[in-house]
Amino acid sequence: MDIYRIGDKLISQKKVLSALEKILKLRSQGKSQHEVADITGVDRSFISRLETLGELRKAKQIGVVGFPVKNKDEIQRILAAKGIQHTLLMSEAERTSFVEGKPGADIINEMMELIQQFRMFDTVIVLASDMRTKWIESLLNCQTILVDIGTSPLTEDVYVDPERIIEILDHLT
């Protein structure tokens, strides 16, 4: 049943679950408990208790950026199996397509948005050429683990050793 009577109140389970989903989604997008409380009209302490109630384990937020990765799907499967959901892996063709035909302002705006997203993580693993890893590290405000996959400029996809990724993740989790 979707409706519960509690005293003289009628409570909609759907409405409660929808509010909970909104709260959790906003928090997972990086909003603070205070910001979510303001947006949803609930007490900040409720959000804290809700998170404690549903917490499986305290986890560092880990992101992975990599390009041009030849075995992107294999690396993506490993990351997913380890619970890493925040990834941006591209092949050379995808990287080229990302910038082709776009005005410079659009490229910069998209890059700034990506940088903002990855700056929120505790740790970012960067799989890129020697020059790109250092460039990305300088833009992020978090622990970075740099995995050089070749000398700049890379113009072809590079095979990334899955065992190396597993080893790094095992040390982080």
C-alpha atoms as a PDB file:
ATOM      1  CA  MET A   1       0.000   0.000   0.000  1.00  0.00           C
ATOM      2  CA  ASP A   2       1.235   3.486  -0.866  1.00  0.00           C
ATOM      3  CA  ILE A   3      -0.743   5.447   1.776  1.00  0.00           C
ATOM      4  CA  TYR A   4      -0.244   5.189   5.534  1.00  0.00           C
ATOM      5  CA  ARG A   5      -2.426   6.692   8.232  1.00  0.00           C
ATOM      6  CA  ILE A   6      -0.418   8.001  11.157  1.00  0.00           C
ATOM      7  CA  GLY A   7      -2.701   9.689  13.659  1.00  0.00           C
ATOM      8  CA  ASP A   8      -4.680  12.245  11.686  1.00  0.00           C
ATOM      9  CA  LYS A   9      -2.102  12.392   8.860  1.00  0.00           C
ATOM     10  CA  LEU A  10      -2.115  10.534   5.558  1.00  0.00           C
ATOM     11  CA  ILE A  11       1.434   9.768   4.410  1.00  0.00           C
ATOM     12  CA  SER A  12       2.302   8.941   0.791  1.00  0.00           C
ATOM     13  CA  GLN A  13       5.116   6.405   0.527  1.00  0.00           C
ATOM     14  CA  LYS A  14       5.745   7.534  -3.075  1.00  0.00           C
ATOM     15  CA  LYS A  15       6.172  11.144  -1.965  1.00  0.00           C
ATOM     16  CA  VAL A  16       8.593  10.143   0.812  1.00  0.00           C
ATOM     17  CA  LEU A  17      10.662   7.937  -1.524  1.00  0.00           C
ATOM     18  CA  SER A  18      10.732  10.641  -4.193  1.00  0.00           C
ATOM     19  CA  ALA A  19      12.031  13.176  -1.641  1.00  0.00           C
ATOM     20  CA  LEU A  20      14.678  10.703  -0.431  1.00  0.00           C
ATOM     21  CA  GLU A  21      15.835  10.060  -3.997  1.00  0.00           C
ATOM     22  CA  LYS A  22      16.113  13.800  -4.626  1.00  0.00           C
ATOM     23  CA  ILE A  23      18.150  14.317  -1.436  1.00  0.00           C
ATOM     24  CA  LEU A  24      20.532  11.467  -2.244  1.00  0.00           C
ATOM     25  CA  LYS A  25      20.926  12.571  -5.857  1.00  0.00           C
ATOM     26  CA  LEU A  26      21.770  16.147  -4.849  1.00  0.00           C
ATOM     27  CA  ARG A  27      24.292  14.917  -2.258  1.00  0.00           C
ATOM     28  CA  SER A  28      25.926  12.552  -4.775  1.00  0.00           C
ATOM     29  CA  GLN A  29      26.259  15.500  -7.174  1.00  0.00           C
ATOM     30  CA  GLY A  30      28.415  17.280  -4.599  1.00  0.00           C
ATOM     31  CA  LYS A  31      25.931  19.575  -2.900  1.00  0.00           C
ATOM     32  CA  SER A  32      26.529  20.114   0.813  1.00  0.00           C
ATOM     33  CA  GLN A  33      24.043  18.920   3.416  1.00  0.00           C
ATOM     34  CA  HIS A  34      23.163  22.556   4.094  1.00  0.00           C
ATOM     35  CA  GLU A  35      22.539  23.278   0.386  1.00  0.00           C
ATOM     36  CA  VAL A  36      20.340  20.178   0.041  1.00  0.00           C
ATOM     37  CA  ALA A  37      18.426  21.141   3.182  1.00  0.00           C
ATOM     38  CA  ASP A  38      17.728  24.572   1.692  1.00  0.00           C
ATOM     39  CA  ILE A  39      16.649  23.097  -1.649  1.00  0.00           C
ATOM     40  CA  THR A  40      14.385  20.395  -0.207  1.00  0.00           C
ATOM     41  CA  GLY A  41      13.096  22.196   2.896  1.00  0.00           C
ATOM     42  CA  VAL A  42      14.259  19.599   5.430  1.00  0.00           C
ATOM     43  CA  ASP A  43      16.621  19.986   8.380  1.00  0.00           C
ATOM     44  CA  ARG A  44      20.323  19.447   7.698  1.00  0.00           C
ATOM     45  CA  SER A  45      20.441  17.039  10.633  1.00  0.00           C
ATOM     46  CA  PHE A  46      17.805  14.874   8.900  1.00  0.00           C
ATOM     47  CA  ILE A  47      20.093  14.579   5.869  1.00  0.00           C
ATOM     48  CA  SER A  48      22.996  13.583   8.107  1.00  0.00           C
ATOM     49  CA  ARG A  49      20.892  10.916   9.846  1.00  0.00           C
ATOM     50  CA  LEU A  50      19.589   9.667   6.502  1.00  0.00           C
ATOM     51  CA  GLU A  51      23.144   9.214   5.223  1.00  0.00           C
ATOM     52  CA  THR A  52      24.143   7.389   8.409  1.00  0.00           C
ATOM     53  CA  LEU A  53      21.102   5.134   8.111  1.00  0.00           C
ATOM     54  CA  GLY A  54      21.977   4.113   4.546  1.00  0.00           C
ATOM     55  CA  GLU A  55      25.782   4.086   4.802  1.00  0.00           C
ATOM     56  CA  LEU A  56      27.382   0.860   3.628  1.00  0.00           C
ATOM     57  CA  ARG A  57      30.939   2.017   4.174  1.00  0.00           C
ATOM     58  CA  LYS A  58      32.820   5.258   4.191  1.00  0.00           C
ATOM     59  CA  ALA A  59      34.328   5.496   0.770  1.00  0.00           C
ATOM     60  CA  LYS A  60      36.746   7.861  -0.763  1.00  0.00           C
ATOM     61  CA  GLN A  61      35.429   9.418  -3.901  1.00  0.00           C
ATOM     62  CA  ILE A  62      37.673   8.167  -6.693  1.00  0.00           C
ATOM     63  CA  GLY A  63      37.567   9.347 -10.277  1.00  0.00           C
ATOM     64  CA  VAL A  64      39.476   8.090 -13.309  1.00  0.00           C
ATOM     65  CA  VAL A  65      40.422  10.068 -16.413  1.00  0.00           C
ATOM     66  CA  GLY A  66      42.199   8.383 -19.299  1.00  0.00           C
ATOM     67  CA  PHE A  67      42.960   8.948 -22.973  1.00  0.00           C
ATOM     68  CA  PRO A  68      43.670   7.554 -25.515  1.00  0.00           C
ATOM     69  CA  VAL A  69      42.893   4.121 -24.065  1.00  0.00           C
ATOM     70  CA  LYS A  70      42.867   1.119 -26.413  1.00  0.00           C
ATOM     71  CA  ASN A  71      41.228  -1.329 -23.966  1.00  0.00           C
ATOM     72  CA  LYS A  72      38.752   1.217 -22.620  1.00  0.00           C
ATOM     73  CA  ASP A  73      35.905  -1.287 -22.169  1.00  0.00           C
ATOM     74  CA  GLU A  74      38.121  -3.694 -20.208  1.00  0.00           C
ATOM     75  CA  ILE A  75      39.347  -0.907 -17.905  1.00  0.00           C
ATOM     76  CA  GLN A  76      35.784   0.365 -17.497  1.00  0.00           C
ATOM     77  CA  ARG A  77      34.627  -3.117 -16.389  1.00  0.00           C
ATOM     78  CA  ILE A  78      37.429  -3.308 -13.815  1.00  0.00           C
ATOM     79  CA  LEU A  79      36.552   0.132 -12.459  1.00  0.00           C
ATOM     80  CA  ALA A  80      32.857  -0.742 -12.246  1.00  0.00           C
ATOM     81  CA  ALA A  81      33.647  -4.007 -10.442  1.00  0.00           C
ATOM     82  CA  LYS A  82      35.650  -1.997  -7.883  1.00  0.00           C
ATOM     83  CA  GLY A  83      32.761   0.449  -7.420  1.00  0.00           C
ATOM     84  CA  ILE A  84      34.352   3.335  -9.328  1.00  0.00           C
ATOM     85  CA  GLN A  85      31.570   5.097 -11.187  1.00  0.00           C
ATOM     86  CA  HIS A  86      33.140   8.453 -11.955  1.00  0.00           C
ATOM     87  CA  THR A  87      35.163   7.890 -15.098  1.00  0.00           C
ATOM     88  CA  LEU A  88      36.077   9.630 -18.300  1.00  0.00           C
ATOM     89  CA  LEU A  89      37.879   7.198 -20.586  1.00  0.00           C
ATOM     90  CA  MET A  90      38.282   7.948 -24.282  1.00  0.00           C
ATOM     91  CA  SER A  91      39.832   6.353 -27.311  1.00  0.00           C
ATOM     92  CA  GLU A  92      41.767   8.581 -29.726  1.00  0.00           C
ATOM     93  CA  ALA A  93      38.742   8.674 -32.046  1.00  0.00           C
ATOM     94  CA  GLU A  94      36.473   9.767 -29.173  1.00  0.00           C
ATOM     95  CA  ARG A  95      38.974  12.379 -28.032  1.00  0.00           C
ATOM     96  CA  THR A  96      39.188  13.789 -31.554  1.00  0.00           C
ATOM     97  CA  SER A  97      35.397  13.738 -31.914  1.00  0.00           C
ATOM     98  CA  PHE A  98      35.065  15.591 -28.589  1.00  0.00           C
ATOM     99  CA  VAL A  99      36.722  18.685 -30.060  1.00  0.00           C
ATOM    100  CA  GLU A 100      35.966  18.449 -33.788  1.00  0.00           C
ATOM    101  CA  GLY A 101      33.534  20.978 -35.159  1.00  0.00           C
ATOM    102  CA  LYS A 102      32.989  22.747 -31.843  1.00  0.00           C
ATOM    103  CA  PRO A 103      33.681  26.417 -31.290  1.00  0.00           C
ATOM    104  CA  GLY A 104      36.578  27.064 -28.917  1.00  0.00           C
ATOM    105  CA  ALA A 105      34.266  28.572 -26.291  1.00  0.00           C
ATOM    106  CA  ASP A 106      32.193  25.381 -26.177  1.00  0.00           C
ATOM    107  CA  ILE A 107      35.304  23.238 -25.762  1.00  0.00           C
ATOM    108  CA  ILE A 108      36.568  25.435 -22.930  1.00  0.00           C
ATOM    109  CA  ASN A 109      33.166  25.395 -21.201  1.00  0.00           C
ATOM    110  CA  GLU A 110      32.957  21.592 -21.405  1.00  0.00           C
ATOM    111  CA  MET A 111      36.523  21.230 -20.147  1.00  0.00           C
ATOM    112  CA  MET A 112      35.859  23.592 -17.234  1.00  0.00           C
ATOM    113  CA  GLU A 113      32.767  21.587 -16.296  1.00  0.00           C
ATOM    114  CA  LEU A 114      34.759  18.332 -16.369  1.00  0.00           C
ATOM    115  CA  ILE A 115      37.555  19.865 -14.287  1.00  0.00           C
ATOM    116  CA  GLN A 116      34.978  21.101 -11.751  1.00  0.00           C
ATOM    117  CA  GLN A 117      33.446  17.621 -11.501  1.00  0.00           C
ATOM    118  CA  PHE A 118      36.777  15.855 -10.990  1.00  0.00           C
ATOM    119  CA  ARG A 119      38.031  18.444  -8.470  1.00  0.00           C
ATOM    120  CA  MET A 120      35.360  17.172  -6.050  1.00  0.00           C
ATOM    121  CA  PHE A 121      36.967  13.730  -5.735  1.00  0.00           C
ATOM    122  CA  ASP A 122      39.391  12.710  -3.012  1.00  0.00           C
ATOM    123  CA  THR A 123      41.582  10.927  -5.550  1.00  0.00           C
ATOM    124  CA  VAL A 124      41.774  10.995  -9.342  1.00  0.00           C
ATOM    125  CA  ILE A 125      43.698   8.396 -11.313  1.00  0.00           C
ATOM    126  CA  VAL A 126      45.004   9.914 -14.542  1.00  0.00           C
ATOM    127  CA  LEU A 127      45.922   7.649 -17.484  1.00  0.00           C
ATOM    128  CA  ALA A 128      47.497   9.846 -20.138  1.00  0.00           C
ATOM    129  CA  SER A 129      50.714  10.942 -21.826  1.00  0.00           C
ATOM    130  CA  ASP A 130      53.542  12.320 -19.718  1.00  0.00           C
ATOM    131  CA  MET A 131      52.656  15.928 -20.550  1.00  0.00           C
ATOM    132  CA  ARG A 132      48.896  15.506 -20.079  1.00  0.00           C
ATOM    133  CA  THR A 133      49.200  13.795 -16.670  1.00  0.00           C
ATOM    134  CA  LYS A 134      51.149  16.750 -15.279  1.00  0.00           C
ATOM    135  CA  TRP A 135      48.729  19.244 -16.835  1.00  0.00           C
ATOM    136  CA  ILE A 136      45.680  17.477 -15.377  1.00  0.00           C
ATOM    137  CA  GLU A 137      47.363  17.152 -11.979  1.00  0.00           C
ATOM    138  CA  SER A 138      47.965  20.906 -11.868  1.00  0.00           C
ATOM    139  CA  LEU A 139      44.257  21.591 -12.487  1.00  0.00           C
ATOM    140  CA  LEU A 140      42.895  19.263  -9.817  1.00  0.00           C
ATOM    141  CA  ASN A 141      42.746  20.070  -6.132  1.00  0.00           C
ATOM    142  CA  CYS A 142      43.063  16.526  -4.841  1.00  0.00           C
ATOM    143  CA  GLN A 143      45.365  13.535  -4.625  1.00  0.00           C
ATOM    144  CA  THR A 144      46.276  12.430  -8.125  1.00  0.00           C
ATOM    145  CA  ILE A 145      47.800   9.149  -9.174  1.00  0.00           C
ATOM    146  CA  LEU A 146      49.573   9.632 -12.473  1.00  0.00           C
ATOM    147  CA  VAL A 147      49.924   6.717 -14.865  1.00  0.00           C
ATOM    148  CA  ASP A 148      51.981   7.777 -17.869  1.00  0.00           C
ATOM    149  CA  ILE A 149      50.924   5.697 -20.846  1.00  0.00           C
ATOM    150  CA  GLY A 150      53.371   7.212 -23.303  1.00  0.00           C
ATOM    151  CA  THR A 151      55.255  10.264 -24.476  1.00  0.00           C
ATOM    152  CA  SER A 152      53.325  13.276 -25.800  1.00  0.00           C
ATOM    153  CA  PRO A 153      51.851  13.641 -28.258  1.00  0.00           C
ATOM    154  CA  LEU A 154      49.917  10.383 -28.341  1.00  0.00           C
ATOM    155  CA  THR A 155      48.094   9.937 -31.641  1.00  0.00           C
ATOM    156  CA  GLU A 156      47.041   6.295 -31.330  1.00  0.00           C
ATOM    157  CA  ASP A 157      45.212   4.301 -28.669  1.00  0.00           C
ATOM    158  CA  VAL A 158      47.467   2.839 -25.967  1.00  0.00           C
ATOM    159  CA  TYR A 159      46.908  -0.468 -24.167  1.00  0.00           C
ATOM    160  CA  VAL A 160      46.638   0.110 -20.399  1.00  0.00           C
ATOM    161  CA  ASP A 161      47.764  -2.785 -18.202  1.00  0.00           C
ATOM    162  CA  PRO A 162      44.649  -3.929 -16.289  1.00  0.00           C
ATOM    163  CA  GLU A 163      46.778  -5.431 -13.502  1.00  0.00           C
ATOM    164  CA  ARG A 164      48.332  -2.015 -12.860  1.00  0.00           C
ATOM    165  CA  ILE A 165      44.865  -0.479 -12.467  1.00  0.00           C
ATOM    166  CA  ILE A 166      43.778  -3.282 -10.117  1.00  0.00           C
ATOM    167  CA  GLU A 167      46.954  -2.800  -8.059  1.00  0.00           C
ATOM    168  CA  ILE A 168      46.326   0.949  -7.721  1.00  0.00           C
ATOM    169  CA  LEU A 169      42.684   0.430  -6.769  1.00  0.00           C
ATOM    170  CA  ASP A 170      43.577  -2.246  -4.202  1.00  0.00           C
ATOM    171  CA  HIS A 171      45.811   0.279  -2.454  1.00  0.00           C
ATOM    172  CA  LEU A 172      43.078   2.925  -2.468  1.00  0.00           C
ATOM    173  CA  THR A 173      40.103   0.848  -1.341  1.00  0.00           C
END
